[in-house]
Amino acid sequence: MENLIKIAKEHGLTNDLIDQLLNISTIEKIKNKTVLLDYGEKTNKIYYILKGGFVTKAWNEEKQIEKTISFNLNSFHPHMTEAKAYFFNLESENKIQAISNATVLSYYKSDLDKIASENNSFNKFSNHMIIQSLISENQLRSKLLTYSPKKFYTYLLDEHPEISKTIPSKDIASFLGISEVWMSNIKHDL
């Protein structure tokens, strides 16, 4: 929670506003493998990861397989939701699942929207966090599309070692679009 408070203070949120945000949040303990949001569900919640990790998966209808499309850790993309379901009240096309025991702060969209409408500082902070998340995700996707699997995994090891230490190899392999055997060979080569 200290990290969230630090980020909020760095962006000019007052202690009163931070307290207000903490008061509307709910601390949730999530067990390993729990599905936080499943395919076809709607959500009006966004989560901030305090401890643990999650993967987001998409269903490939043609191949009849799930593909890991993102990772969320307390130290890597700690804000988490399914954007279409959250922002547009549509059914989720993805599944968010815990990969470890985790602790999250959950927020209802209506509560955050109310604070944003009443407080320009929070509105700016919220927009900044959304933009930063989009930029970070875009940069990661650009590397995923342009790097070889080995180069991308090396990038993860160098820039985000917590991913290789926390995310199961099968999910990293799925994210890279390679088999678990190929992933094992890459790890062996490094």
Protein backbone atom coordinates (compact mmCIF):
# COMPACT_ATOMS: atom_id res chain seq x y z
CA MET A 1 0.00 0.00 0.00
CA GLU A 2 2.97 2.27 0.64
CA ASN A 3 3.77 2.23 -3.09
CA LEU A 4 0.27 3.41 -3.99
CA ILE A 5 0.40 6.18 -1.38
CA LYS A 6 3.86 7.22 -2.61
CA ILE A 7 2.64 7.44 -6.22
CA ALA A 8 -0.44 9.40 -5.16
CA LYS A 9 1.68 11.90 -3.19
CA GLU A 10 4.14 12.25 -6.08
CA HIS A 11 1.19 13.34 -8.22
CA GLY A 12 0.02 15.96 -5.76
CA LEU A 13 -2.86 14.18 -4.06
CA THR A 14 -3.49 15.48 -0.56
CA ASN A 15 -3.52 13.25 2.51
CA ASP A 16 -7.28 13.84 2.81
CA LEU A 17 -7.85 12.67 -0.75
CA ILE A 18 -5.60 9.65 -0.24
CA ASP A 19 -7.59 8.78 2.90
CA GLN A 20 -10.80 9.15 0.91
CA LEU A 21 -9.47 6.74 -1.73
CA LEU A 22 -8.43 4.23 0.90
CA ASN A 23 -11.83 4.50 2.58
CA ILE A 24 -13.69 3.55 -0.60
CA SER A 25 -11.38 0.61 -1.28
CA THR A 26 -11.85 -2.94 -0.09
CA ILE A 27 -8.89 -5.16 0.76
CA GLU A 28 -9.43 -8.57 -0.80
CA LYS A 29 -7.38 -11.70 -0.19
CA ILE A 30 -7.28 -13.79 -3.36
CA LYS A 31 -6.26 -17.45 -3.37
CA ASN A 32 -3.93 -18.89 -6.01
CA LYS A 33 -5.74 -19.86 -9.25
CA THR A 34 -8.86 -17.86 -8.34
CA VAL A 35 -10.55 -16.38 -11.39
CA LEU A 36 -11.17 -12.72 -10.57
CA LEU A 37 -13.03 -12.06 -13.82
CA ASP A 38 -14.17 -14.74 -16.25
CA TYR A 39 -15.10 -14.71 -19.92
CA GLY A 40 -18.51 -13.16 -20.48
CA GLU A 41 -18.73 -11.47 -17.09
CA LYS A 42 -19.21 -7.76 -16.58
CA THR A 43 -17.24 -5.80 -14.02
CA ASN A 44 -17.47 -2.43 -12.36
CA LYS A 45 -14.27 -2.92 -10.37
CA ILE A 46 -10.65 -2.03 -10.82
CA TYR A 47 -7.93 -3.55 -8.68
CA TYR A 48 -4.59 -2.40 -7.32
CA ILE A 49 -2.27 -5.28 -6.48
CA LEU A 50 -0.61 -5.04 -3.08
CA LYS A 51 0.88 -8.54 -3.12
CA GLY A 52 0.97 -11.40 -5.60
CA GLY A 53 0.37 -11.71 -9.30
CA PHE A 54 -2.22 -12.28 -12.00
CA VAL A 55 -2.35 -13.20 -15.66
CA THR A 56 -4.94 -12.12 -18.18
CA LYS A 57 -5.88 -14.71 -20.77
CA ALA A 58 -7.83 -14.56 -24.01
CA TRP A 59 -9.61 -17.46 -25.67
CA ASN A 60 -8.46 -18.32 -29.20
CA GLU A 61 -11.61 -19.72 -30.79
CA GLU A 62 -9.81 -21.01 -33.88
CA LYS A 63 -7.16 -22.97 -31.97
CA GLN A 64 -9.41 -23.69 -28.98
CA ILE A 65 -6.71 -22.58 -26.53
CA GLU A 66 -6.19 -19.86 -23.98
CA LYS A 67 -3.39 -17.38 -24.60
CA THR A 68 -1.77 -15.28 -21.90
CA ILE A 69 -2.00 -11.66 -23.01
CA SER A 70 -0.71 -9.76 -19.98
CA PHE A 71 0.84 -9.97 -16.53
CA ASN A 72 0.08 -7.90 -13.47
CA LEU A 73 2.25 -7.86 -10.35
CA ASN A 74 2.48 -5.47 -7.43
CA SER A 75 5.70 -4.20 -9.06
CA PHE A 76 4.60 -4.42 -12.73
CA HIS A 77 1.33 -2.94 -13.99
CA PRO A 78 -0.30 -3.07 -10.54
CA HIS A 79 -3.62 -1.61 -11.78
CA MET A 80 -5.80 -4.31 -13.22
CA THR A 81 -9.20 -4.69 -14.87
CA GLU A 82 -10.66 -5.69 -18.22
CA ALA A 83 -10.97 -2.35 -20.00
CA LYS A 84 -14.02 -2.98 -22.22
CA ALA A 85 -15.98 -4.53 -19.38
CA TYR A 86 -14.99 -1.81 -16.90
CA PHE A 87 -15.31 1.31 -19.05
CA PHE A 88 -18.20 0.29 -21.33
CA ASN A 89 -20.17 -2.19 -19.18
CA LEU A 90 -19.65 -4.94 -21.77
CA GLU A 91 -19.03 -8.63 -21.23
CA SER A 92 -15.38 -9.48 -20.71
CA GLU A 93 -13.54 -11.09 -23.59
CA ASN A 94 -10.75 -12.08 -21.21
CA LYS A 95 -10.14 -13.92 -17.98
CA ILE A 96 -8.09 -12.55 -15.07
CA GLN A 97 -6.66 -15.26 -12.83
CA ALA A 98 -4.40 -15.26 -9.78
CA ILE A 99 -1.07 -17.06 -10.19
CA SER A 100 -0.30 -16.88 -6.48
CA ASN A 101 -2.00 -15.97 -3.26
CA ALA A 102 -2.58 -12.24 -3.57
CA THR A 103 -3.89 -9.17 -1.82
CA VAL A 104 -5.61 -6.41 -3.78
CA LEU A 105 -7.41 -3.16 -3.17
CA SER A 106 -10.66 -3.15 -5.12
CA TYR A 107 -12.51 -0.02 -6.16
CA TYR A 108 -15.95 0.38 -7.67
CA LYS A 109 -16.01 2.50 -10.81
CA SER A 110 -18.93 4.57 -9.50
CA ASP A 111 -16.95 5.53 -6.37
CA LEU A 112 -13.90 6.55 -8.39
CA ASP A 113 -16.03 8.45 -10.92
CA LYS A 114 -17.70 10.36 -8.08
CA ILE A 115 -14.34 11.41 -6.60
CA ALA A 116 -13.04 12.34 -10.07
CA SER A 117 -16.09 14.53 -10.72
CA GLU A 118 -15.62 16.32 -7.39
CA ASN A 119 -11.84 16.65 -7.40
CA ASN A 120 -9.78 17.91 -10.33
CA SER A 121 -6.51 16.67 -8.78
CA PHE A 122 -7.81 13.12 -8.62
CA ASN A 123 -9.26 13.36 -12.12
CA LYS A 124 -5.83 14.40 -13.46
CA PHE A 125 -4.14 11.65 -11.42
CA SER A 126 -6.59 9.03 -12.70
CA ASN A 127 -6.13 10.11 -16.31
CA HIS A 128 -2.36 10.14 -15.86
CA MET A 129 -2.39 6.58 -14.48
CA ILE A 130 -4.56 5.36 -17.39
CA ILE A 131 -2.28 7.03 -19.94
CA GLN A 132 0.87 5.65 -18.26
CA SER A 133 -0.63 2.15 -18.29
CA LEU A 134 -1.51 2.45 -21.97
CA ILE A 135 1.95 3.72 -22.87
CA SER A 136 3.66 0.99 -20.87
CA GLU A 137 1.48 -1.72 -22.39
CA ASN A 138 2.05 -0.32 -25.89
CA GLN A 139 5.82 -0.32 -25.38
CA LEU A 140 5.71 -3.91 -24.15
CA ARG A 141 3.55 -5.01 -27.10
CA SER A 142 5.88 -3.25 -29.57
CA LYS A 143 8.82 -5.21 -28.21
CA LEU A 144 6.79 -8.43 -28.23
CA LEU A 145 5.95 -7.91 -31.90
CA THR A 146 9.44 -6.88 -33.01
CA TYR A 147 11.78 -8.96 -30.83
CA SER A 148 12.50 -12.64 -31.21
CA PRO A 149 11.21 -14.73 -28.29
CA LYS A 150 14.76 -15.08 -26.96
CA LYS A 151 15.46 -11.34 -27.20
CA PHE A 152 12.12 -10.51 -25.57
CA TYR A 153 12.74 -12.93 -22.70
CA THR A 154 16.21 -11.40 -22.24
CA TYR A 155 14.55 -7.98 -22.13
CA LEU A 156 12.18 -9.24 -19.41
CA LEU A 157 15.11 -10.66 -17.42
CA ASP A 158 17.04 -7.39 -17.67
CA GLU A 159 14.24 -4.85 -17.25
CA HIS A 160 11.57 -6.74 -15.30
CA PRO A 161 13.23 -9.67 -13.49
CA GLU A 162 10.22 -9.97 -11.17
CA ILE A 163 8.22 -11.34 -14.12
CA SER A 164 10.52 -14.32 -14.68
CA LYS A 165 10.65 -14.94 -10.93
CA THR A 166 6.88 -14.78 -10.41
CA ILE A 167 5.02 -15.64 -13.61
CA PRO A 168 4.93 -19.37 -14.46
CA SER A 169 7.03 -20.33 -17.51
CA LYS A 170 3.96 -21.75 -19.26
CA ASP A 171 2.31 -18.31 -19.10
CA ILE A 172 5.44 -16.53 -20.33
CA ALA A 173 5.66 -19.06 -23.19
CA SER A 174 1.99 -18.48 -24.02
CA PHE A 175 2.55 -14.70 -23.98
CA LEU A 176 5.50 -15.14 -26.35
CA GLY A 177 3.48 -17.45 -28.60
CA ILE A 178 5.90 -20.36 -28.18
CA SER A 179 5.73 -23.83 -26.69
CA GLU A 180 6.83 -24.62 -23.15
CA VAL A 181 9.66 -26.74 -24.64
CA TRP A 182 10.89 -23.76 -26.67
CA MET A 183 10.67 -21.61 -23.52
CA SER A 184 12.74 -24.19 -21.65
CA ASN A 185 15.36 -24.14 -24.43
CA ILE A 186 15.56 -20.34 -24.29
CA LYS A 187 16.09 -20.46 -20.52
CA HIS A 188 18.74 -23.16 -20.97
CA ASP A 189 20.58 -21.07 -23.61
CA LEU A 190 20.69 -18.07 -21.28
